[in-house]
Amino acid sequence: MKAIIYKIYLVVLGMCLLSACSKNWEDHFGGGDADAQKNLYTIISEHAEFSTFMDLLNKSGYGESLKESKNYTLIVPTNDAIAAVQDQYNFSDTAVIKSFVGYHIINSVYNVNSGADTVKALNFRNKYVEFTHGAFDGVEPLQGNLVASNGLYHVVGRPLKPLQNIFNLVRTFFADTKQIEAVNSFDTVSTEGDIIYYRYSPVWYTEVRRNMTTENKKHTYFVVDDENFETEYAKLRPFYATAYEEGNTLRPDSTTTFFAKKALLRDFIVEGELATDQLTNNLISIAGTKFSLDPSNIISRTKASNGVVYRVKRLEFALADQIKEIKVLGARPIGYKQTDKRSNTFFREKRDNEGNLYNDIEVYDHKVTSFYVKYRATGMNVAKYKVYGRAIMGLAGDPQTAAFIQYVYFFDPKLISVNEVDLYKRSVVNNLGANDTRMTFDVQPLNHGEVYLGEVTQDQYGNLPLLVMSNGTGPIILEYLRFVPIIQ
């Protein structure tokens, strides 16, 4: 009984001490009922412990925002906290002040998050501060959830550190590497007469740069030694050969160098922020390329605002993983022999006999001899491809139930003709191993497997236009064509 009473006494005593401690914090830093009636700007200005931050706030130009009725969350470093890191910042530079102060002001109201889940709060610098495990980007508050009339503020004994995004970080710390020289080469502004070349091409931005700069998604980025970068670049370059000369002023984004560098640079980016123990042999880049990293090759790890950057000696890529297969979907044509057969053209969603959903195209009863549907295989590397097709026919409700033949033709830029169809007679090797100008696609009832059609060679990087043509006035059915590169 005495033991129980003693335990109750300890609990009560602890609660009293906690209450007294909270009261002391409120007395020291504010946060009581009086402060709840004042805006964030007024509260900070009235407390001597925040005078250094207040001075920076006024110089930053953000002070007026904290007087507004809109709600904010303010993370306030004490004078001692700023003094401890003052030698790391040039506070005579307005840009530095705006970056430092803006990092501590957050749009909307966020309580201290004691859970293991992460709440991402957008600050004035368009960066995300992570509220998790009772801390802000790993900085624990001295006091939290203090109320103002226009939001909350939390007091910290260590300022938040404004982090660079991956793009700016690698350009700052690793600018002397061949890899980052390649990154920088895409960001140029030049003029040629009346032509202005913009800072970066849309393709470069969409496929690479955006993944290095976006703040609402985490990525892991790898920077390799020069030897590794140049070896991988030399390996890829022949597969991205184009007819455009280097230094071409009309199409600077269509050269062999442009496409080869862009393709390689995509493969140094992995989705998600990976810890060191997650760097396995099964890494997959944003371009879908598998690669591996020996942990002994890791040199450093640097935190970025939108992920993490690893400086490594080398990454291991297999060419068979870098030069990928291409698929052309039947339900995505780009044109037809003539446009008046829409009522005979069906875009179908069906379920095969194995229960799998698929989409295809069927052109039926069109009554046009050698009717064709036009397609385009995009991003084809300089390589020889084996071509496979899938077309399922004879399921319930399908008007076509008998076997039929259709043909696949490929565009040849060397041919000249006034008739469109005569431009699509590129030399191929058919499914029997013979030279031909077309591939025969034999469609059998209820065949759910792929049909091997033959081989076609792409001698320049880029698009490969093609036709799927009916045999006489017969039907056309296509789920997809699949192009598999032959890598020696």
Protein backbone atom coordinates (compact mmCIF):
# COMPACT_ATOMS: atom_id res chain seq x y z
CA MET A 1 0.00 0.00 0.00
CA LYS A 2 2.84 2.39 0.89
CA ALA A 3 4.49 1.59 -2.43
CA ILE A 4 1.33 2.54 -4.32
CA ILE A 5 1.00 5.83 -2.40
CA TYR A 6 4.67 6.58 -3.11
CA LYS A 7 4.19 6.02 -6.85
CA ILE A 8 1.14 8.30 -6.89
CA TYR A 9 3.21 10.93 -5.09
CA LEU A 10 5.93 10.73 -7.73
CA VAL A 11 3.39 11.09 -10.55
CA VAL A 12 1.79 14.15 -8.93
CA LEU A 13 5.20 15.68 -8.24
CA GLY A 14 6.24 15.14 -11.84
CA MET A 15 3.10 16.80 -13.14
CA CYS A 16 3.69 19.78 -10.88
CA LEU A 17 7.29 20.11 -12.03
CA LEU A 18 6.21 19.86 -15.68
CA SER A 19 3.59 22.54 -15.13
CA ALA A 20 6.12 24.78 -13.41
CA CYS A 21 8.63 24.19 -16.21
CA SER A 22 6.06 25.12 -18.88
CA LYS A 23 5.12 28.20 -16.89
CA ASN A 24 8.79 29.20 -16.67
CA TRP A 25 9.13 28.85 -20.44
CA GLU A 26 6.03 30.97 -20.98
CA ASP A 27 7.34 33.58 -18.56
CA HIS A 28 10.71 33.58 -20.31
CA PHE A 29 9.72 33.41 -23.96
CA GLY A 30 6.08 34.40 -23.93
CA GLY A 31 3.26 32.25 -25.23
CA GLY A 32 0.72 33.16 -22.57
CA ASP A 33 -2.73 34.66 -23.05
CA ALA A 34 -1.29 38.14 -23.60
CA ASP A 35 0.91 37.01 -26.48
CA ALA A 36 -2.01 35.17 -28.06
CA GLN A 37 -3.57 38.57 -28.78
CA LYS A 38 -0.46 39.87 -30.58
CA ASN A 39 0.82 39.09 -34.04
CA LEU A 40 4.08 37.24 -34.61
CA TYR A 41 6.01 40.38 -35.52
CA THR A 42 5.03 42.15 -32.30
CA ILE A 43 5.86 39.16 -30.12
CA ILE A 44 9.36 38.79 -31.59
CA SER A 45 10.03 42.52 -31.29
CA GLU A 46 9.09 42.55 -27.59
CA HIS A 47 11.45 39.77 -26.47
CA ALA A 48 15.13 40.58 -25.99
CA GLU A 49 16.04 36.91 -26.54
CA PHE A 50 15.05 37.31 -30.21
CA SER A 51 16.64 40.69 -30.93
CA THR A 52 19.23 39.31 -33.39
CA PHE A 53 16.59 37.46 -35.38
CA MET A 54 14.39 40.56 -35.24
CA ASP A 55 17.17 42.64 -36.79
CA LEU A 56 17.60 40.10 -39.60
CA LEU A 57 13.82 39.89 -40.05
CA ASN A 58 13.59 43.63 -40.67
CA LYS A 59 16.52 43.57 -43.09
CA SER A 60 15.03 40.62 -45.00
CA GLY A 61 11.82 42.44 -45.90
CA TYR A 62 9.69 39.60 -44.53
CA GLY A 63 8.69 41.49 -41.39
CA GLU A 64 5.56 42.97 -42.93
CA SER A 65 4.24 39.49 -43.68
CA LEU A 66 4.30 38.60 -39.97
CA LYS A 67 2.03 41.57 -39.25
CA GLU A 68 -0.67 40.24 -41.59
CA SER A 69 -3.78 38.34 -40.53
CA LYS A 70 -2.77 35.34 -42.61
CA ASN A 71 -1.57 32.46 -40.43
CA TYR A 72 2.09 31.45 -40.31
CA THR A 73 4.42 29.23 -38.34
CA LEU A 74 7.63 30.90 -37.21
CA ILE A 75 10.67 28.96 -36.01
CA VAL A 76 12.63 31.46 -33.91
CA PRO A 77 16.34 30.95 -33.14
CA THR A 78 17.54 32.63 -29.97
CA ASN A 79 20.33 35.19 -29.94
CA ASP A 80 22.78 32.57 -28.68
CA ALA A 81 21.71 30.18 -31.45
CA ILE A 82 22.47 32.73 -34.18
CA ALA A 83 25.72 33.83 -32.52
CA ALA A 84 26.95 30.21 -32.61
CA VAL A 85 26.69 30.05 -36.43
CA GLN A 86 27.25 33.69 -37.36
CA ASP A 87 30.65 33.00 -38.88
CA GLN A 88 28.97 30.63 -41.40
CA TYR A 89 26.86 33.38 -42.98
CA ASN A 90 27.61 36.71 -44.61
CA PHE A 91 24.85 38.70 -42.98
CA SER A 92 25.97 41.83 -44.81
CA ASP A 93 24.54 40.23 -47.95
CA THR A 94 20.79 40.82 -48.33
CA ALA A 95 20.36 37.60 -50.34
CA VAL A 96 21.91 35.58 -47.52
CA ILE A 97 19.66 37.28 -44.96
CA LYS A 98 16.52 36.59 -47.02
CA SER A 99 17.53 32.94 -47.41
CA PHE A 100 18.27 32.51 -43.70
CA VAL A 101 15.15 34.26 -42.40
CA GLY A 102 12.81 32.92 -45.07
CA TYR A 103 13.83 29.38 -44.20
CA HIS A 104 12.35 29.91 -40.70
CA ILE A 105 8.96 31.28 -41.82
CA ILE A 106 6.40 28.70 -42.89
CA ASN A 107 3.14 29.20 -44.69
CA SER A 108 0.15 28.03 -42.62
CA VAL A 109 0.11 26.67 -39.06
CA TYR A 110 2.05 23.58 -37.99
CA ASN A 111 2.25 22.17 -34.48
CA VAL A 112 5.28 20.24 -33.30
CA ASN A 113 4.86 16.77 -34.80
CA SER A 114 5.89 14.15 -32.25
CA GLY A 115 4.99 11.22 -34.50
CA ALA A 116 7.27 9.14 -36.69
CA ASP A 117 5.44 10.25 -39.83
CA THR A 118 6.87 13.26 -41.64
CA VAL A 119 4.92 16.46 -42.23
CA LYS A 120 6.46 18.60 -44.96
CA ALA A 121 5.92 22.32 -44.37
CA LEU A 122 6.64 24.79 -47.18
CA ASN A 123 8.62 27.83 -46.08
CA PHE A 124 9.10 31.27 -47.64
CA ARG A 125 12.07 30.02 -49.68
CA ASN A 126 9.94 27.38 -51.41
CA LYS A 127 11.75 24.67 -49.47
CA TYR A 128 10.14 22.01 -47.30
CA VAL A 129 10.94 21.79 -43.58
CA GLU A 130 10.30 18.30 -42.23
CA PHE A 131 8.34 18.12 -38.99
CA THR A 132 8.97 14.68 -37.51
CA HIS A 133 9.90 13.03 -34.20
CA GLY A 134 9.28 16.33 -32.40
CA ALA A 135 11.91 18.19 -34.42
CA PHE A 136 12.24 20.46 -37.47
CA ASP A 137 14.81 19.10 -39.93
CA GLY A 138 16.36 17.38 -36.92
CA VAL A 139 16.39 20.52 -34.74
CA GLU A 140 14.44 20.02 -31.51
CA PRO A 141 12.58 23.04 -30.09
CA LEU A 142 13.34 24.58 -26.72
CA GLN A 143 9.66 25.45 -26.61
CA GLY A 144 6.92 24.74 -29.09
CA ASN A 145 3.33 25.54 -30.04
CA LEU A 146 3.39 29.08 -28.65
CA VAL A 147 0.32 30.99 -29.80
CA ALA A 148 0.10 34.33 -31.61
CA SER A 149 -2.91 36.03 -33.12
CA ASN A 150 -1.75 35.03 -36.61
CA GLY A 151 -0.17 31.65 -36.04
CA LEU A 152 2.28 29.69 -33.94
CA TYR A 153 5.95 30.03 -33.10
CA HIS A 154 8.53 27.56 -31.88
CA VAL A 155 11.79 28.52 -30.16
CA VAL A 156 15.00 26.71 -31.18
CA GLY A 157 18.52 26.73 -29.76
CA ARG A 158 20.01 25.99 -33.19
CA PRO A 159 18.93 27.67 -36.44
CA LEU A 160 17.61 25.66 -39.34
CA LYS A 161 20.24 25.34 -42.02
CA PRO A 162 19.09 26.51 -45.47
CA LEU A 163 19.95 23.63 -47.76
CA GLN A 164 20.62 23.82 -51.49
CA ASN A 165 18.66 21.66 -53.86
CA ILE A 166 20.52 18.86 -55.65
CA PHE A 167 21.07 20.93 -58.78
CA ASN A 168 22.69 23.87 -56.98
CA LEU A 169 24.55 21.66 -54.53
CA VAL A 170 26.42 19.65 -57.17
CA ARG A 171 27.22 22.82 -59.11
CA THR A 172 28.67 24.30 -55.92
CA PHE A 173 30.70 21.39 -54.56
CA PHE A 174 31.48 19.24 -57.60
CA ALA A 175 31.77 21.77 -60.43
CA ASP A 176 35.25 20.53 -61.36
CA THR A 177 34.04 17.03 -62.32
CA LYS A 178 33.34 16.01 -65.91
CA GLN A 179 29.82 15.00 -64.91
CA ILE A 180 28.85 18.42 -63.57
CA GLU A 181 30.59 20.10 -66.51
CA ALA A 182 28.13 18.11 -68.63
CA VAL A 183 25.23 19.29 -66.45
CA ASN A 184 26.36 22.90 -66.81
CA SER A 185 26.68 22.58 -70.58
CA PHE A 186 22.90 22.34 -70.89
CA ASP A 187 22.38 25.66 -69.11
CA THR A 188 23.61 28.22 -71.59
CA VAL A 189 22.19 31.35 -73.16
CA SER A 190 23.40 32.38 -76.59
CA THR A 191 22.19 34.40 -79.56
CA GLU A 192 22.73 33.85 -83.25
CA GLY A 193 21.37 36.76 -85.24
CA ASP A 194 17.73 37.07 -84.22
CA ILE A 195 17.66 33.59 -82.69
CA ILE A 196 17.86 33.29 -78.90
CA TYR A 197 18.69 29.93 -77.33
CA TYR A 198 17.00 29.64 -73.99
CA ARG A 199 18.65 28.65 -70.75
CA TYR A 200 17.78 24.99 -71.15
CA SER A 201 15.80 22.88 -73.56
CA PRO A 202 12.36 21.59 -72.52
CA VAL A 203 13.49 17.99 -73.02
CA TRP A 204 16.51 18.45 -70.76
CA TYR A 205 14.37 20.16 -68.14
CA THR A 206 11.63 17.51 -68.16
CA GLU A 207 13.86 14.46 -68.15
CA VAL A 208 16.76 15.58 -65.95
CA ARG A 209 16.87 19.08 -64.49
CA ARG A 210 13.40 19.09 -62.96
CA ASN A 211 14.24 15.99 -60.92
CA MET A 212 17.26 17.84 -59.49
CA THR A 213 15.37 21.02 -58.59
CA THR A 214 11.84 20.05 -57.57
CA GLU A 215 11.25 20.45 -53.85
CA ASN A 216 8.09 18.38 -53.39
CA LYS A 217 9.81 15.09 -54.15
CA LYS A 218 13.01 13.48 -52.83
CA HIS A 219 15.77 12.10 -55.06
CA THR A 220 19.19 10.53 -54.60
CA TYR A 221 21.91 11.80 -56.91
CA PHE A 222 25.32 10.26 -57.63
CA VAL A 223 28.45 12.10 -58.80
CA VAL A 224 31.14 9.80 -60.20
CA ASP A 225 34.85 10.10 -60.96
CA ASP A 226 35.81 11.57 -64.32
CA GLU A 227 37.14 8.27 -65.66
CA ASN A 228 33.87 6.48 -64.93
CA PHE A 229 31.80 9.27 -66.48
CA GLU A 230 33.86 9.46 -69.66
CA THR A 231 33.88 5.68 -70.07
CA GLU A 232 30.09 5.48 -69.78
CA TYR A 233 29.64 8.44 -72.13
CA ALA A 234 31.90 6.91 -74.78
CA LYS A 235 29.98 3.63 -74.47
CA LEU A 236 26.59 5.29 -75.03
CA ARG A 237 27.51 7.84 -77.70
CA PRO A 238 27.32 5.53 -80.77
CA PHE A 239 23.74 4.58 -79.87
CA TYR A 240 22.63 8.24 -79.99
CA ALA A 241 24.20 9.26 -83.29
CA THR A 242 22.25 11.83 -85.31
CA ALA A 243 22.75 13.59 -88.63
CA TYR A 244 23.08 17.00 -86.97
CA GLU A 245 26.60 18.42 -86.81
CA GLU A 246 28.02 19.46 -83.46
CA GLY A 247 27.64 23.18 -82.95
CA ASN A 248 24.55 23.28 -85.16
CA THR A 249 23.01 26.70 -84.57
CA LEU A 250 19.51 25.84 -85.74
CA ARG A 251 19.04 22.64 -83.75
CA PRO A 252 21.58 22.59 -80.89
CA ASP A 253 19.34 20.14 -79.02
CA SER A 254 19.47 17.51 -81.79
CA THR A 255 23.13 16.57 -81.84
CA THR A 256 24.71 13.29 -80.85
CA THR A 257 26.37 14.95 -77.86
CA PHE A 258 23.07 16.39 -76.59
CA PHE A 259 21.19 13.09 -76.62
CA ALA A 260 24.07 10.95 -75.34
CA LYS A 261 24.84 13.27 -72.41
CA LYS A 262 21.16 13.66 -71.52
CA ALA A 263 20.62 9.91 -71.52
CA LEU A 264 23.63 9.28 -69.29
CA LEU A 265 22.81 12.08 -66.84
CA ARG A 266 19.31 10.65 -66.25
CA ASP A 267 20.91 7.49 -64.94
CA PHE A 268 22.63 9.20 -62.02
CA ILE A 269 19.27 10.03 -60.40
CA VAL A 270 17.21 7.64 -58.27
CA GLU A 271 13.77 8.41 -56.90
CA GLY A 272 13.62 8.73 -53.10
CA GLU A 273 16.17 9.73 -50.48
CA LEU A 274 18.28 6.62 -49.92
CA ALA A 275 20.29 5.94 -46.77
CA THR A 276 23.72 4.39 -47.12
CA ASP A 277 22.43 0.94 -46.16
CA GLN A 278 19.89 1.14 -49.00
CA LEU A 279 22.54 1.40 -51.71
CA THR A 280 22.27 -2.12 -53.03
CA ASN A 281 22.99 -3.83 -56.33
CA ASN A 282 19.37 -3.29 -57.39
CA LEU A 283 19.32 0.47 -57.87
CA ILE A 284 17.06 1.79 -60.64
CA SER A 285 17.41 5.28 -62.11
CA ILE A 286 14.50 7.54 -63.00
CA ALA A 287 14.98 6.37 -66.61
CA GLY A 288 14.41 2.76 -65.53
CA THR A 289 18.05 1.72 -65.85
CA LYS A 290 19.37 -0.87 -63.40
CA PHE A 291 22.84 -0.27 -61.95
CA SER A 292 24.95 -1.20 -58.96
CA LEU A 293 27.24 0.51 -56.46
CA ASP A 294 29.97 -1.10 -54.41
CA PRO A 295 29.70 0.52 -50.92
CA SER A 296 33.49 0.76 -50.78
CA ASN A 297 33.27 3.31 -53.62
CA ILE A 298 31.28 5.82 -51.56
CA ILE A 299 33.34 8.96 -50.85
CA SER A 300 30.83 11.29 -49.18
CA ARG A 301 27.15 11.89 -48.49
CA THR A 302 25.68 15.42 -48.53
CA LYS A 303 22.13 16.36 -47.53
CA ALA A 304 20.18 18.50 -50.01
CA SER A 305 16.85 20.26 -49.56
CA ASN A 306 15.21 17.76 -51.90
CA GLY A 307 17.18 14.62 -51.21
CA VAL A 308 20.79 13.54 -50.90
CA VAL A 309 23.96 13.58 -53.03
CA TYR A 310 26.55 10.81 -52.94
CA ARG A 311 30.04 11.42 -54.27
CA VAL A 312 31.24 8.00 -55.45
CA LYS A 313 34.18 6.63 -57.40
CA ARG A 314 32.11 4.67 -59.90
CA LEU A 315 28.77 3.10 -60.74
CA GLU A 316 28.37 -0.09 -62.72
CA PHE A 317 26.03 -0.02 -65.75
CA ALA A 318 25.31 -2.82 -68.22
CA LEU A 319 24.73 -1.66 -71.79
CA ALA A 320 21.82 -4.09 -72.11
CA ASP A 321 20.06 -2.16 -69.32
CA GLN A 322 20.82 1.26 -70.81
CA ILE A 323 19.60 0.60 -74.37
CA LYS A 324 15.98 -0.25 -73.76
CA GLU A 325 13.18 -1.89 -75.71
CA ILE A 326 10.49 0.32 -77.23
CA LYS A 327 6.78 -0.44 -77.33
CA VAL A 328 4.26 1.05 -79.76
CA LEU A 329 0.65 0.78 -78.58
CA GLY A 330 -2.07 -0.02 -81.09
CA ALA A 331 -4.56 2.25 -79.33
CA ARG A 332 -2.33 5.30 -79.94
CA PRO A 333 -2.19 5.86 -83.72
CA ILE A 334 -0.97 9.15 -85.22
CA GLY A 335 -2.92 8.94 -88.49
CA TYR A 336 -4.65 6.87 -91.15
CA LYS A 337 -4.60 6.34 -94.90
CA GLN A 338 -7.84 8.31 -95.01
CA THR A 339 -9.87 9.93 -92.27
CA ASP A 340 -13.41 8.88 -93.19
CA LYS A 341 -13.33 5.44 -91.54
CA ARG A 342 -13.85 6.49 -87.91
CA SER A 343 -17.09 4.48 -87.72
CA ASN A 344 -15.11 1.38 -88.71
CA THR A 345 -12.34 2.02 -86.16
CA PHE A 346 -12.76 0.66 -82.63
CA PHE A 347 -10.58 1.36 -79.59
CA ARG A 348 -11.31 -1.58 -77.36
CA GLU A 349 -10.78 -2.49 -73.73
CA LYS A 350 -11.04 -6.25 -73.45
CA ARG A 351 -10.14 -9.09 -71.13
CA ASP A 352 -8.22 -12.00 -72.60
CA ASN A 353 -8.83 -15.67 -71.79
CA GLU A 354 -6.32 -15.44 -68.95
CA GLY A 355 -8.34 -12.66 -67.29
CA ASN A 356 -5.94 -9.83 -68.16
CA LEU A 357 -7.24 -6.46 -69.33
CA TYR A 358 -5.72 -4.98 -72.48
CA ASN A 359 -6.41 -2.21 -74.97
CA ASP A 360 -6.16 -2.46 -78.73
CA ILE A 361 -7.39 -1.09 -82.03
CA GLU A 362 -9.58 -2.88 -84.56
CA VAL A 363 -10.38 -1.48 -88.00
CA TYR A 364 -13.13 -3.67 -89.52
CA ASP A 365 -15.22 -3.68 -92.71
CA HIS A 366 -13.55 -0.49 -93.99
CA LYS A 367 -13.75 -1.64 -97.67
CA VAL A 368 -10.52 0.18 -98.59
CA THR A 369 -7.75 -1.77 -100.32
CA SER A 370 -4.48 -1.59 -98.37
CA PHE A 371 -5.92 0.63 -95.67
CA TYR A 372 -3.30 1.55 -93.09
CA VAL A 373 -2.90 3.03 -89.63
CA LYS A 374 0.16 5.20 -88.94
CA TYR A 375 2.35 4.94 -85.82
CA ARG A 376 5.68 6.26 -84.56
CA ALA A 377 8.27 4.46 -82.45
CA THR A 378 10.01 7.19 -80.44
CA GLY A 379 13.51 7.43 -78.98
CA MET A 380 14.90 4.59 -81.07
CA ASN A 381 18.63 4.05 -80.57
CA VAL A 382 21.08 3.33 -83.36
CA ALA A 383 20.76 -0.46 -83.26
CA LYS A 384 19.20 -3.48 -84.87
CA TYR A 385 15.85 -4.44 -83.31
CA LYS A 386 13.91 -7.64 -83.22
CA VAL A 387 10.21 -6.83 -83.69
CA TYR A 388 7.35 -8.66 -81.99
CA GLY A 389 3.62 -8.00 -82.23
CA ARG A 390 0.55 -8.95 -80.25
CA ALA A 391 -2.97 -9.00 -81.67
CA ILE A 392 -5.73 -11.02 -80.02
CA MET A 393 -8.67 -11.97 -82.21
CA GLY A 394 -11.72 -14.20 -81.83
CA LEU A 395 -12.85 -13.40 -78.29
CA ALA A 396 -16.55 -13.10 -77.51
CA GLY A 397 -18.10 -10.20 -79.39
CA ASP A 398 -15.26 -9.88 -81.92
CA PRO A 399 -16.67 -9.67 -85.48
CA GLN A 400 -13.41 -11.11 -86.83
CA THR A 401 -13.12 -14.84 -86.07
CA ALA A 402 -11.04 -16.19 -88.98
CA ALA A 403 -7.26 -16.01 -89.32
CA PHE A 404 -5.92 -13.11 -91.38
CA ILE A 405 -2.71 -11.36 -92.38
CA GLN A 406 -1.68 -7.73 -91.92
CA TYR A 407 1.62 -6.05 -92.75
CA VAL A 408 4.08 -3.72 -91.03
CA TYR A 409 6.06 -1.20 -93.13
CA PHE A 410 8.78 1.21 -91.97
CA PHE A 411 9.61 4.71 -93.20
CA ASP A 412 12.83 5.14 -95.19
CA PRO A 413 14.04 8.79 -95.30
CA LYS A 414 16.15 8.03 -98.38
CA LEU A 415 13.08 7.30 -100.54
CA ILE A 416 11.35 9.99 -102.60
CA SER A 417 7.77 9.67 -103.84
CA VAL A 418 4.57 11.66 -104.15
CA ASN A 419 2.68 8.67 -102.75
CA GLU A 420 2.96 8.44 -98.96
CA VAL A 421 2.82 4.66 -98.88
CA ASP A 422 5.87 4.37 -101.14
CA LEU A 423 7.99 6.16 -98.54
CA TYR A 424 7.43 3.27 -96.13
CA LYS A 425 9.56 0.61 -97.75
CA ARG A 426 12.64 0.42 -95.54
CA SER A 427 14.66 -2.76 -95.98
CA VAL A 428 13.99 -5.30 -93.24
CA VAL A 429 14.63 -8.93 -92.49
CA ASN A 430 11.31 -10.77 -92.31
CA ASN A 431 10.30 -13.53 -89.91
CA LEU A 432 11.71 -16.15 -92.31
CA GLY A 433 15.14 -14.52 -92.30
CA ALA A 434 14.83 -13.12 -95.83
CA ASN A 435 15.41 -9.54 -96.96
CA ASP A 436 12.14 -7.73 -97.56
CA THR A 437 10.43 -4.32 -97.44
CA ARG A 438 7.65 -5.39 -95.10
CA MET A 439 6.95 -7.69 -92.18
CA THR A 440 4.08 -10.17 -92.35
CA PHE A 441 1.90 -10.30 -89.22
CA ASP A 442 -0.08 -13.56 -89.15
CA VAL A 443 -3.04 -13.19 -86.74
CA GLN A 444 -4.53 -16.48 -85.55
CA PRO A 445 -7.76 -16.90 -83.52
CA LEU A 446 -7.29 -16.71 -79.74
CA ASN A 447 -3.50 -16.50 -79.94
CA HIS A 448 -2.52 -14.66 -76.75
CA GLY A 449 1.23 -14.82 -77.39
CA GLU A 450 3.54 -12.50 -79.25
CA VAL A 451 4.33 -13.11 -82.91
CA TYR A 452 7.90 -12.65 -84.13
CA LEU A 453 7.85 -10.35 -87.17
CA GLY A 454 11.51 -9.84 -88.10
CA GLU A 455 14.37 -7.33 -87.72
CA VAL A 456 14.68 -3.65 -88.56
CA THR A 457 17.76 -1.43 -88.28
CA GLN A 458 17.68 2.14 -86.97
CA ASP A 459 20.72 4.05 -88.27
CA GLN A 460 20.02 7.40 -86.56
CA TYR A 461 18.77 8.14 -83.07
CA GLY A 462 15.19 9.39 -83.05
CA ASN A 463 11.76 8.39 -84.28
CA LEU A 464 10.82 5.52 -86.57
CA PRO A 465 7.50 6.10 -88.40
CA LEU A 466 5.66 2.95 -89.49
CA LEU A 467 2.43 1.65 -90.99
CA VAL A 468 0.23 -1.28 -90.07
CA MET A 469 -1.54 -2.17 -93.30
CA SER A 470 -4.46 -4.42 -94.13
CA ASN A 471 -4.14 -7.30 -96.57
CA GLY A 472 -6.50 -6.19 -99.34
CA THR A 473 -9.66 -4.98 -97.61
CA GLY A 474 -9.07 -7.18 -94.57
CA PRO A 475 -9.11 -6.06 -90.94
CA ILE A 476 -6.39 -4.49 -88.79
CA ILE A 477 -6.01 -5.54 -85.14
CA LEU A 478 -3.11 -4.46 -82.93
CA GLU A 479 -2.42 -4.39 -79.21
CA TYR A 480 1.26 -3.48 -79.55
CA LEU A 481 4.53 -3.79 -81.42
CA ARG A 482 7.63 -4.39 -79.29
CA PHE A 483 11.14 -3.49 -80.45
CA VAL A 484 13.93 -5.36 -78.65
CA PRO A 485 17.48 -4.05 -79.29
CA ILE A 486 20.14 -6.57 -80.24
CA ILE A 487 23.10 -5.69 -78.05
CA GLN A 488 26.31 -7.49 -78.95
